[in-house]
Structure formats: C-alpha cells, structure tokens
Protein backbone atom coordinates (compact mmCIF):
# COMPACT_ATOMS: atom_id res chain seq x y z
CA UNK A 1 18.51 -2.05 -175.72
CA UNK A 2 17.89 1.69 -176.16
CA UNK A 3 14.92 0.91 -178.39
CA UNK A 4 13.43 -1.36 -175.74
CA UNK A 5 13.59 1.42 -173.14
CA UNK A 6 12.03 3.79 -175.68
CA UNK A 7 9.11 1.38 -176.14
CA UNK A 8 8.58 1.20 -172.38
CA UNK A 9 8.65 5.01 -172.06
CA UNK A 10 6.24 5.47 -174.95
CA UNK A 11 3.96 2.79 -173.46
CA UNK A 12 4.09 4.61 -170.12
CA UNK A 13 3.14 7.93 -171.73
CA UNK A 14 0.38 6.30 -173.79
CA UNK A 15 -0.92 4.55 -170.67
CA UNK A 16 -1.62 7.97 -169.14
CA UNK A 17 -4.94 7.65 -170.96
CA UNK A 18 -5.79 4.96 -168.38
CA UNK A 19 -5.24 7.27 -165.39
CA UNK A 20 -8.73 8.81 -165.73
CA UNK A 21 -10.13 5.32 -166.47
CA UNK A 22 -8.57 3.91 -163.30
CA UNK A 23 -9.81 6.88 -161.30
CA UNK A 24 -13.28 6.30 -162.68
CA UNK A 25 -13.17 2.68 -161.46
CA UNK A 26 -11.98 3.81 -158.02
CA UNK A 27 -14.67 6.49 -157.93
CA UNK A 28 -17.33 3.81 -158.44
CA UNK A 29 -15.85 1.68 -155.63
CA UNK A 30 -16.24 4.52 -153.13
CA UNK A 31 -19.39 6.04 -154.63
CA UNK A 32 -21.60 2.93 -154.38
CA UNK A 33 -21.54 2.77 -150.55
CA UNK A 34 -21.48 6.59 -150.24
CA UNK A 35 -24.55 7.13 -152.41
CA UNK A 36 -26.55 4.54 -150.46
CA UNK A 37 -25.42 5.81 -147.06
CA UNK A 38 -28.11 7.29 -144.82
CA UNK A 39 -25.59 9.95 -143.83
CA UNK A 40 -25.50 11.14 -147.45
CA UNK A 41 -28.19 13.73 -148.28
CA UNK A 42 -28.67 12.10 -151.70
CA UNK A 43 -29.44 8.64 -150.21
CA UNK A 44 -30.05 6.93 -153.57
CA UNK A 45 -31.92 3.61 -153.69
CA UNK A 46 -30.09 0.39 -154.63
CA UNK A 47 -31.93 0.48 -157.98
CA UNK A 48 -30.66 4.01 -158.73
CA UNK A 49 -27.12 3.02 -157.76
CA UNK A 50 -27.46 -0.04 -160.02
CA UNK A 51 -28.33 2.25 -162.93
CA UNK A 52 -25.39 4.57 -162.17
CA UNK A 53 -23.06 1.54 -162.20
CA UNK A 54 -24.54 -0.01 -165.35
CA UNK A 55 -24.82 3.19 -167.45
CA UNK A 56 -21.09 3.19 -168.22
CA UNK A 57 -20.97 -0.20 -170.02
CA UNK A 58 -24.15 0.67 -171.97
CA UNK A 59 -22.47 3.72 -173.50
CA UNK A 60 -19.17 1.87 -173.91
CA UNK A 61 -20.95 0.09 -176.78
CA UNK A 62 -21.54 3.47 -178.46
CA UNK A 63 -17.94 4.50 -177.84
CA UNK A 64 -16.68 1.25 -179.38
CA UNK A 65 -18.59 1.91 -182.60
CA UNK A 66 -17.19 5.44 -182.82
CA UNK A 67 -13.62 4.32 -182.06
CA UNK A 68 -13.76 1.67 -184.80
CA UNK A 69 -13.91 4.39 -187.46
CA UNK A 70 -11.66 6.96 -185.81
CA UNK A 71 -8.68 4.65 -185.17
CA UNK A 72 -8.23 3.99 -188.92
CA UNK A 73 -9.09 7.55 -190.02
CA UNK A 74 -7.35 9.96 -187.64
CA UNK A 75 -4.86 7.47 -186.22
CA UNK A 76 -4.22 5.63 -182.97
CA UNK A 77 -2.67 8.55 -181.07
CA UNK A 78 -5.29 11.13 -182.06
CA UNK A 79 -8.07 8.69 -181.17
CA UNK A 80 -6.62 8.36 -177.66
CA UNK A 81 -6.47 12.15 -177.33
CA UNK A 82 -10.08 12.45 -178.51
CA UNK A 83 -11.20 9.91 -175.90
CA UNK A 84 -10.17 12.30 -173.09
CA UNK A 85 -12.82 14.89 -173.97
CA UNK A 86 -15.90 13.01 -172.63
CA UNK A 87 -14.00 12.03 -169.46
CA UNK A 88 -13.22 15.67 -168.72
CA UNK A 89 -16.88 16.68 -169.14
CA UNK A 90 -17.94 13.75 -166.95
CA UNK A 91 -16.52 15.16 -163.72
CA UNK A 92 -17.99 18.60 -164.44
CA UNK A 93 -21.49 17.11 -164.78
CA UNK A 94 -21.20 14.91 -161.71
CA UNK A 95 -20.46 17.98 -159.60
CA UNK A 96 -24.18 18.77 -159.98
CA UNK A 97 -24.76 16.03 -157.36
CA UNK A 98 -28.04 14.87 -158.91
CA UNK A 99 -29.12 11.44 -160.13
CA UNK A 100 -29.39 12.77 -163.68
CA UNK A 101 -25.92 14.35 -163.46
CA UNK A 102 -24.39 11.07 -162.30
CA UNK A 103 -26.15 9.14 -165.10
CA UNK A 104 -24.99 11.51 -167.86
CA UNK A 105 -21.49 11.67 -166.34
CA UNK A 106 -21.14 7.88 -166.20
CA UNK A 107 -22.48 7.72 -169.78
CA UNK A 108 -19.62 10.00 -170.89
CA UNK A 109 -17.17 7.69 -169.08
CA UNK A 110 -18.62 4.86 -171.16
CA UNK A 111 -18.03 6.79 -174.40
CA UNK A 112 -14.37 7.23 -173.43
CA UNK A 113 -13.96 3.60 -172.36
CA UNK A 114 -15.19 2.59 -175.80
CA UNK A 115 -11.83 3.85 -177.11
CA UNK A 116 -9.75 1.62 -174.81
CA UNK A 117 -9.13 -1.07 -177.51
CA UNK A 118 -7.18 1.61 -179.40
CA UNK A 119 -4.51 1.42 -176.70
CA UNK A 120 -4.18 -2.37 -177.09
CA UNK A 121 -3.93 -1.90 -180.86
CA UNK A 122 -1.27 0.80 -180.42
CA UNK A 123 0.81 -1.35 -178.06
CA UNK A 124 0.64 -4.31 -180.43
CA UNK A 125 1.95 -2.14 -183.28
CA UNK A 126 4.81 -0.37 -181.48
CA UNK A 127 6.12 -3.25 -179.32
CA UNK A 128 8.72 -5.78 -180.40
CA UNK A 129 7.48 -9.36 -180.47
CA UNK A 130 9.62 -10.41 -177.50
CA UNK A 131 8.36 -7.71 -175.11
CA UNK A 132 4.74 -7.31 -176.26
CA UNK A 133 3.47 -8.86 -173.04
CA UNK A 134 5.51 -6.54 -170.80
CA UNK A 135 4.46 -3.46 -172.78
CA UNK A 136 0.80 -4.38 -172.27
CA UNK A 137 1.49 -4.87 -168.55
CA UNK A 138 2.52 -1.21 -168.30
CA UNK A 139 -1.12 -0.24 -168.89
CA UNK A 140 -2.34 -2.47 -166.08
CA UNK A 141 0.23 -1.06 -163.64
CA UNK A 142 -0.64 2.55 -164.53
CA UNK A 143 -4.35 1.85 -164.15
CA UNK A 144 -3.77 0.22 -160.75
CA UNK A 145 -1.59 3.10 -159.52
CA UNK A 146 -4.21 5.67 -160.59
CA UNK A 147 -6.84 4.17 -158.28
CA UNK A 148 -4.84 4.64 -155.06
CA UNK A 149 -4.99 8.48 -154.73
CA UNK A 150 -8.77 8.42 -155.33
CA UNK A 151 -9.33 5.72 -152.72
CA UNK A 152 -7.23 7.55 -150.13
CA UNK A 153 -8.72 10.97 -150.91
CA UNK A 154 -12.26 9.59 -150.57
CA UNK A 155 -11.64 9.24 -146.83
CA UNK A 156 -11.18 13.03 -146.51
CA UNK A 157 -13.20 14.51 -149.38
CA UNK A 158 -16.86 14.25 -150.30
CA UNK A 159 -17.83 13.18 -153.83
CA UNK A 160 -18.56 16.78 -154.90
CA UNK A 161 -15.02 17.96 -154.03
CA UNK A 162 -13.41 14.76 -155.30
CA UNK A 163 -14.98 15.23 -158.74
CA UNK A 164 -13.27 18.63 -159.04
CA UNK A 165 -9.77 17.27 -158.39
CA UNK A 166 -10.28 14.39 -160.82
CA UNK A 167 -10.39 16.87 -163.72
CA UNK A 168 -6.63 17.47 -163.52
CA UNK A 169 -5.33 14.02 -164.63
CA UNK A 170 -7.40 14.15 -167.84
CA UNK A 171 -5.62 17.37 -168.86
CA UNK A 172 -2.19 15.91 -167.99
CA UNK A 173 -2.98 12.77 -170.01
CA UNK A 174 -3.73 14.84 -173.14
CA UNK A 175 -0.36 16.63 -172.84
CA UNK A 176 1.51 13.31 -172.52
CA UNK A 177 -0.36 11.77 -175.45
CA UNK A 178 0.81 14.58 -177.72
CA UNK A 179 4.41 13.47 -177.02
CA UNK A 180 4.11 9.89 -178.30
CA UNK A 181 4.68 8.88 -181.95
CA UNK A 182 1.91 7.58 -184.18
CA UNK A 183 1.92 3.90 -185.09
CA UNK A 184 4.09 3.14 -188.18
CA UNK A 185 1.40 0.66 -189.26
CA UNK A 186 -1.14 3.49 -189.50
CA UNK A 187 1.19 5.67 -191.59
CA UNK A 188 1.90 2.78 -193.99
CA UNK A 189 -1.83 2.10 -194.30
CA UNK A 190 -2.13 5.72 -195.47
CA UNK A 191 0.86 5.34 -197.81
CA UNK A 192 3.03 7.80 -195.87
CA UNK A 193 6.38 6.00 -195.99
CA UNK A 194 8.45 8.94 -194.70
CA UNK A 195 6.39 9.43 -191.52
CA UNK A 196 6.30 5.68 -190.92
CA UNK A 197 10.10 5.63 -191.03
CA UNK A 198 10.34 8.53 -188.56
CA UNK A 199 7.87 6.82 -186.20
CA UNK A 200 9.85 3.59 -186.40
CA UNK A 201 13.07 5.42 -185.56
CA UNK A 202 11.50 6.30 -182.19
CA UNK A 203 10.87 2.66 -181.25
CA UNK A 204 13.63 0.63 -182.95
CA UNK A 205 17.43 0.63 -183.01
CA UNK A 206 18.83 2.51 -186.01
CA UNK A 207 20.23 -0.67 -187.58
CA UNK A 208 16.81 -2.37 -187.41
CA UNK A 209 14.68 0.43 -188.88
CA UNK A 210 15.17 -0.40 -192.58
CA UNK A 211 14.62 -4.14 -192.12
CA UNK A 212 11.53 -3.70 -189.89
CA UNK A 213 10.08 -1.05 -192.19
CA UNK A 214 10.27 -3.41 -195.18
CA UNK A 215 8.77 -6.25 -193.14
CA UNK A 216 5.89 -4.09 -191.88
CA UNK A 217 5.35 -2.68 -195.39
CA UNK A 218 4.96 -6.19 -196.87
CA UNK A 219 2.55 -7.16 -194.09
CA UNK A 220 0.46 -3.98 -194.47
CA UNK A 221 0.36 -4.25 -198.28
CA UNK A 222 -0.78 -7.89 -198.07
CA UNK A 223 -3.60 -7.00 -195.69
CA UNK A 224 -4.72 -3.96 -197.68
CA UNK A 225 -4.82 -6.15 -200.80
CA UNK A 226 -7.16 -8.55 -198.97
CA UNK A 227 -9.56 -5.68 -198.32
CA UNK A 228 -11.32 -4.69 -195.14
CA UNK A 229 -14.94 -5.53 -194.39
CA UNK A 230 -17.15 -7.03 -191.71
CA UNK A 231 -17.58 -10.24 -193.75
CA UNK A 232 -13.82 -10.95 -193.79
CA UNK A 233 -13.97 -11.67 -190.06
CA UNK A 234 -16.10 -14.73 -190.78
CA UNK A 235 -14.67 -15.83 -194.14
CA UNK A 236 -11.29 -16.83 -192.70
CA UNK A 237 -11.69 -19.82 -190.37
CA UNK A 238 -8.53 -18.99 -188.44
CA UNK A 239 -9.75 -15.46 -187.72
CA UNK A 240 -13.18 -16.77 -186.74
CA UNK A 241 -11.54 -19.18 -184.29
CA UNK A 242 -9.46 -16.36 -182.78
CA UNK A 243 -12.60 -14.26 -182.35
CA UNK A 244 -14.51 -17.16 -180.76
CA UNK A 245 -11.71 -17.89 -178.25
CA UNK A 246 -11.37 -14.22 -177.34
CA UNK A 247 -15.14 -13.85 -176.96
CA UNK A 248 -15.32 -16.92 -174.72
CA UNK A 249 -12.71 -15.41 -172.40
CA UNK A 250 -14.75 -12.22 -172.03
CA UNK A 251 -18.05 -14.06 -171.57
CA UNK A 252 -16.98 -16.24 -168.67
CA UNK A 253 -14.91 -13.48 -167.02
CA UNK A 254 -17.94 -11.18 -167.02
CA UNK A 255 -20.45 -13.80 -165.85
CA UNK A 256 -18.10 -15.00 -163.12
CA UNK A 257 -18.29 -11.49 -161.66
CA UNK A 258 -14.59 -10.60 -161.86
CA UNK A 259 -15.40 -7.00 -162.92
CA UNK A 260 -18.55 -6.26 -160.96
CA UNK A 261 -17.25 -7.66 -157.64
CA UNK A 262 -14.35 -5.21 -157.92
CA UNK A 263 -16.84 -2.33 -158.31
CA UNK A 264 -18.69 -3.40 -155.15
CA UNK A 265 -15.49 -3.71 -153.08
CA UNK A 266 -16.31 -0.67 -150.95
CA UNK A 267 -19.81 -1.98 -150.25
CA UNK A 268 -18.49 -5.43 -149.25
CA UNK A 269 -15.96 -3.95 -146.80
CA UNK A 270 -18.32 -1.43 -145.22
CA UNK A 271 -20.98 -4.07 -144.59
CA UNK A 272 -18.76 -6.13 -142.26
CA UNK A 273 -18.09 -3.23 -139.94
CA UNK A 274 -14.33 -2.99 -140.38
CA UNK A 275 -12.59 -0.42 -138.13
CA UNK A 276 -10.72 1.06 -141.12
CA UNK A 277 -12.36 3.24 -143.76
CA UNK A 278 -13.33 1.18 -146.82
CA UNK A 279 -11.42 3.54 -149.13
CA UNK A 280 -8.23 3.09 -147.11
CA UNK A 281 -8.65 -0.70 -147.08
CA UNK A 282 -9.11 -0.83 -150.85
CA UNK A 283 -6.10 1.49 -151.29
CA UNK A 284 -3.97 -0.95 -149.29
CA UNK A 285 -5.12 -3.82 -151.52
CA UNK A 286 -4.24 -1.77 -154.61
CA UNK A 287 -0.72 -0.99 -153.32
CA UNK A 288 -0.11 -4.71 -152.79
CA UNK A 289 -1.63 -5.40 -156.22
CA UNK A 290 0.70 -2.86 -157.87
CA UNK A 291 3.76 -4.54 -156.32
CA UNK A 292 2.60 -7.96 -157.58
CA UNK A 293 1.86 -6.44 -161.03
CA UNK A 294 5.43 -5.14 -161.27
CA UNK A 295 6.82 -8.57 -160.36
CA UNK A 296 4.48 -10.36 -162.82
CA UNK A 297 5.50 -7.99 -165.62
CA UNK A 298 9.08 -9.27 -165.41
CA UNK A 299 8.02 -12.83 -166.21
CA UNK A 300 5.01 -12.44 -168.52
CA UNK A 301 6.97 -12.95 -171.76
CA UNK A 302 8.79 -15.96 -170.30
CA UNK A 303 5.72 -17.76 -168.95
CA UNK A 304 3.45 -17.64 -171.99
CA UNK A 305 -0.25 -16.83 -172.25
CA UNK A 306 -1.68 -20.15 -171.02
CA UNK A 307 0.54 -20.21 -167.93
CA UNK A 308 -0.50 -16.63 -167.28
CA UNK A 309 -4.17 -17.67 -167.32
CA UNK A 310 -3.53 -20.61 -164.99
CA UNK A 311 -1.54 -18.63 -162.42
CA UNK A 312 -4.05 -15.74 -162.42
CA UNK A 313 -6.86 -18.22 -161.73
CA UNK A 314 -5.44 -19.55 -158.45
CA UNK A 315 -6.05 -16.46 -156.25
CA UNK A 316 -9.49 -15.74 -157.70
CA UNK A 317 -10.72 -19.30 -157.09
CA UNK A 318 -9.47 -19.14 -153.49
CA UNK A 319 -11.13 -15.73 -153.04
CA UNK A 320 -14.55 -16.83 -154.29
CA UNK A 321 -14.45 -20.04 -152.26
CA UNK A 322 -13.67 -18.40 -148.91
CA UNK A 323 -16.05 -15.49 -149.63
CA UNK A 324 -18.98 -17.84 -150.36
CA UNK A 325 -18.36 -19.73 -147.08
CA UNK A 326 -18.00 -16.48 -145.08
CA UNK A 327 -21.21 -14.93 -146.42
CA UNK A 328 -23.18 -18.17 -146.08
CA UNK A 329 -22.22 -18.21 -142.39
CA UNK A 330 -22.98 -14.52 -141.94
CA UNK A 331 -26.36 -14.77 -143.66
CA UNK A 332 -27.37 -17.75 -141.49
CA UNK A 333 -26.59 -15.73 -138.32
CA UNK A 334 -23.38 -17.56 -137.36
CA UNK A 335 -20.71 -15.67 -135.45
CA UNK A 336 -18.11 -14.43 -137.97
CA UNK A 337 -16.61 -11.69 -135.80
CA UNK A 338 -13.21 -13.44 -135.82
CA UNK A 339 -13.18 -13.61 -139.63
CA UNK A 340 -13.98 -10.02 -140.63
CA UNK A 341 -10.68 -9.94 -142.54
CA UNK A 342 -12.06 -12.38 -145.15
CA UNK A 343 -13.89 -9.73 -147.29
CA UNK A 344 -10.68 -7.69 -147.40
CA UNK A 345 -8.67 -10.77 -148.42
CA UNK A 346 -11.31 -11.55 -151.05
CA UNK A 347 -11.00 -8.06 -152.56
CA UNK A 348 -7.19 -8.32 -152.49
CA UNK A 349 -7.07 -11.71 -154.25
CA UNK A 350 -9.60 -10.65 -156.89
CA UNK A 351 -7.66 -7.44 -157.56
CA UNK A 352 -4.40 -9.39 -157.88
CA UNK A 353 -6.01 -11.80 -160.36
CA UNK A 354 -7.65 -9.00 -162.31
CA UNK A 355 -4.80 -6.49 -162.57
CA UNK A 356 -1.77 -8.82 -162.49
CA UNK A 357 -3.15 -11.49 -164.79
CA UNK A 358 -6.59 -11.42 -166.39
CA UNK A 359 -6.73 -7.78 -167.49
CA UNK A 360 -3.23 -7.76 -169.06
CA UNK A 361 -4.11 -11.06 -170.76
CA UNK A 362 -7.22 -9.47 -172.29
CA UNK A 363 -5.12 -6.58 -173.64
CA UNK A 364 -2.40 -8.90 -174.95
CA UNK A 365 -4.87 -11.12 -176.83
CA UNK A 366 -6.62 -8.05 -178.22
CA UNK A 367 -3.32 -6.74 -179.57
CA UNK A 368 -2.21 -10.12 -181.01
CA UNK A 369 -5.17 -12.06 -182.33
CA UNK A 370 -6.40 -10.27 -185.48
CA UNK A 371 -4.97 -9.38 -188.90
CA UNK A 372 -4.42 -5.66 -189.54
CA UNK A 373 -7.20 -5.29 -192.12
CA UNK A 374 -9.94 -6.50 -189.74
CA UNK A 375 -8.35 -5.62 -186.39
CA UNK A 376 -10.47 -2.48 -185.86
CA UNK A 377 -13.70 -4.36 -186.67
CA UNK A 378 -12.87 -7.34 -184.45
CA UNK A 379 -11.76 -5.19 -181.51
CA UNK A 380 -14.88 -3.05 -181.81
CA UNK A 381 -17.16 -6.11 -181.77
CA UNK A 382 -15.30 -7.68 -178.85
CA UNK A 383 -15.46 -4.50 -176.81
CA UNK A 384 -19.16 -4.01 -177.61
CA UNK A 385 -19.90 -7.58 -176.53
CA UNK A 386 -17.91 -7.10 -173.31
CA UNK A 387 -19.76 -3.86 -172.52
CA UNK A 388 -23.16 -5.46 -173.21
CA UNK A 389 -22.35 -8.38 -170.92
CA UNK A 390 -21.06 -6.05 -168.21
CA UNK A 391 -24.32 -4.07 -168.35
CA UNK A 392 -26.34 -7.25 -167.84
CA UNK A 393 -24.07 -8.58 -165.09
CA UNK A 394 -24.00 -5.29 -163.13
CA UNK A 395 -27.81 -5.19 -163.00
CA UNK A 396 -28.06 -8.93 -162.26
CA UNK A 397 -25.44 -8.71 -159.49
CA UNK A 398 -27.33 -6.01 -157.59
CA UNK A 399 -30.65 -7.85 -157.91
CA UNK A 400 -29.14 -11.30 -157.23
CA UNK A 401 -27.42 -10.22 -154.02
CA UNK A 402 -30.65 -8.55 -152.85
CA UNK A 403 -32.57 -11.77 -153.55
CA UNK A 404 -30.08 -14.59 -152.74
CA UNK A 405 -27.37 -12.93 -150.67
CA UNK A 406 -23.63 -12.71 -151.34
CA UNK A 407 -22.90 -16.33 -150.36
CA UNK A 408 -24.96 -17.86 -153.18
CA UNK A 409 -23.77 -15.29 -155.72
CA UNK A 410 -20.08 -15.94 -154.95
CA UNK A 411 -20.65 -19.70 -155.24
CA UNK A 412 -22.32 -19.35 -158.66
CA UNK A 413 -19.47 -17.07 -159.80
CA UNK A 414 -16.94 -19.68 -158.63
CA UNK A 415 -18.51 -22.48 -160.70
CA UNK A 416 -18.77 -20.27 -163.80
CA UNK A 417 -15.13 -19.25 -163.47
CA UNK A 418 -13.78 -22.81 -163.02
CA UNK A 419 -15.70 -24.18 -166.02
CA UNK A 420 -14.82 -21.17 -168.22
CA UNK A 421 -11.12 -21.28 -167.36
CA UNK A 422 -10.86 -25.04 -167.96
CA UNK A 423 -12.31 -24.64 -171.46
CA UNK A 424 -10.18 -21.57 -172.21
CA UNK A 425 -6.94 -23.26 -171.13
CA UNK A 426 -7.35 -26.14 -173.60
CA UNK A 427 -8.60 -24.16 -176.63
CA UNK A 428 -6.25 -21.16 -176.39
CA UNK A 429 -3.10 -21.52 -178.52
CA UNK A 430 0.25 -20.22 -177.25
CA UNK A 431 1.18 -16.96 -179.02
CA UNK A 432 4.09 -15.87 -176.84
CA UNK A 433 6.99 -14.16 -178.74
CA UNK A 434 5.34 -14.72 -182.14
CA UNK A 435 5.00 -12.09 -184.87
CA UNK A 436 1.54 -11.12 -186.18
CA UNK A 437 2.07 -13.22 -189.32
CA UNK A 438 3.12 -16.25 -187.24
CA UNK A 439 0.08 -15.88 -184.98
CA UNK A 440 -2.22 -15.89 -188.02
CA UNK A 441 -0.51 -19.08 -189.20
CA UNK A 442 -1.07 -20.73 -185.79
CA UNK A 443 -4.83 -20.16 -186.01
CA UNK A 444 -5.06 -21.21 -189.66
CA UNK A 445 -3.11 -24.43 -189.09
CA UNK A 446 -5.76 -25.63 -186.62
CA UNK A 447 -7.95 -26.45 -189.63
CA UNK A 448 -5.38 -28.19 -191.81
C-alpha cells in the first residue's frame, strides 16, 4: 500500500509540469474575448486572434519531433524539466502586448506542449498495472485545478499583469520535477541496473522490487533485441492496429470540436450578455469539473476503457444538442432571454467530458498501446497528427462560425462526435489492468 501512495505522490509532482499547460489553456479562454474587445487598446481582428489560437498547435508539431529524441537520450524526467524553459520565456514575450509578441509566445507554448507525451510515457512506466488509469487521472485533475486561479484573476488583472504572475508556476514545476525518480525502464534501456533498482525502490514495495526488476529487464531486453526504427511501427500488424485506433480517436475528437470549443468558452459566455464575468463563470465550471474528476478517478480502473468512453460521451452529446438548438434560435432572432444559462451549461458539460473522461482516456491509451522500442516514435507521430488537426480545426472553427453561425457548427460537431464514438467503441479492445506484454498480445491476437 505504501508503494501505491508513493506512485500517487510521484504522479502528483510530475503533473506539476501541467500547471503551466493548464494556465496556458485558461489564458486563451480569457484572452480571445479580451483581445477582440473594443475596450481593449489592442482590438485585434478575428483573423489575428485565430492565428494566435492556432500558432500553438503548429509549433506543437516541432516540439513533438524534438521530444521524440530527448525522451530516449536524456530521460523522461529531464525531458519534462527541459519542456519548462520555452513556457517560461513565453510569458516574458507576451508582456510586450504586441501581435508579434503573442504569436512568438504562443509558439513557445507549442514547443513545450510537444513534450506532453513524455508525461504519459512516464506514468505508464512507473504505475502498477492495476492503478495505471488512476495515476493518469492525476494529470487531468492537476491541469483542471491550474486553470481556476487564472480564470478568477482575469476578472481583476489585465493580460499584461496576468502574464507576469504566470511565470511563477513554471519555476515551481521545475523544482518539483527535480524531486521525482527517473523511469526504471529508461535506466535499463541504458544498461544501468543499479540506478534502475534504486528508481524501482521508490515506486514498489521492498518485497516486489527484485521480481519486478527481473520482469522489466526481460521486457526491455526483448524490445531492444527487436531494434527501434520507424519501419517497425508498420511491420507488426498488432502495433499498426493500435496506432490506427489511437489515431481515429484523436481525429474525431478534434473534428468534433471538443478542444476548440473549450478555447472559445469565454467568447461564448460573453456573447450572451451574462451578468457574471466570463472568467468567473468558467472558473465555476472548472471547480465543478474538478470535483467530478476526483470522483471519476476512483472508478476508472474498475470501469474499463470502453465504459469510460461511453460515459464521457453522454454529457458532450447533450451539450452539443442543446447548444445547437439555442444558437439556431438566437441566430433566427427568437427570444432566448430565458435560456441564457444554456451556453454556461454547454461549457460545463464539455469540460466534464473533456477533463473527467476523454483527456484521461487519451493519456491512458498513449501510455498503454505501444511496445517500448517504438513507443517514442508512435507517441511523437500521434502528437504531431493531433497538433496538425488542431491547427486546421482552430482556423476552420473561427471561419465557420463567422460564415454559418454557432448553431450549424455545433450540429456538425455533434454528428461527427456520434459517428466517431460509435466506431471507436466497437474497435477499441479492453486493456484495463493488463501489463504491457498482455496488451501487445491482445492486439496481435486480433489477426490470428
């Protein structure tokens, strides 16, 4: 039991890397309406704001390529520490309060976000099979919590001042990351048996260390013997199937707008004339989301991955359905004054689905689906594809809402999500409580 608590504490410390990421997401939520406001001296156009929002995923592709090499060369922990450097510089540049400063700053955020698969890899390697889901949930909870102070502070501080205070968490995250152990898998890949044993002692009970070390050693040796190259991802049909299923999940989640709608939450709430500040309203939704995340984390390893997908889909389908009806009525000049709470409910339900279900599921699958020798390559490709799709969707969302209105866009997103989830539910195998070797067997047996 002591080892389990140690894994949770290490996961919590490692998840500090997501505090600046979560703050960056919250910053975008409040910045989009602020930068387009006529009261703001900058008064950027919708096209300029679209570029500020889409710059991050463009440079996430670059960060993913860099992280692919660093995670297997300098280690998982050191890669996470390195990822904090661009984020720190980002807030310094954005204090310039110019379009160019915001673009370069958001580009640096993208470089850092490119390293986020390293955290999923690290969690997969330090967590016991039976609590891997809960350990990955820690990251989602930390990221959700980190958004709340930014959303509340945005009601009292301008963007220039806010950017100064957001420097502090990046420094704290680096200090916490220095306290966590390196992955024993990484040490064994480098042939450092002694350090691998010491790392394992931090995350396993003393009586389990020798047995687990031998088991991990056999697994690592087998994968090293197979070699590591880009072609290996496609030579093994089981691995190819895992990659295809994972890629499908990311494709339909992006094109159903689950990420971009969250970024435009502040804009959606301000446009309906709510009496509360948009930042405060989003903060309330995030507090509720955090509570639901904590409850969901208790059951994630009992429910299984497919049940997790199904349950996370219910609130998001309801949200998109009621939002499409609300905006259709509003855009056709019907009286919706009695239903101004619907955009807030939409944001709440989407946040609950995203943070308490879909986002943890993405991290869990990323940590489970690939053999050690091609894990870095597969995760890099997946993250690059996700960033590329997000870039396209962010630009399309801004232009589509300008052209068609929010009602039509929400309806299209709803159909994409329902079709994508139905396919995903039937093709995704259950990997709950399985070891890495057992998961590989599950995918390979599909072709026998």
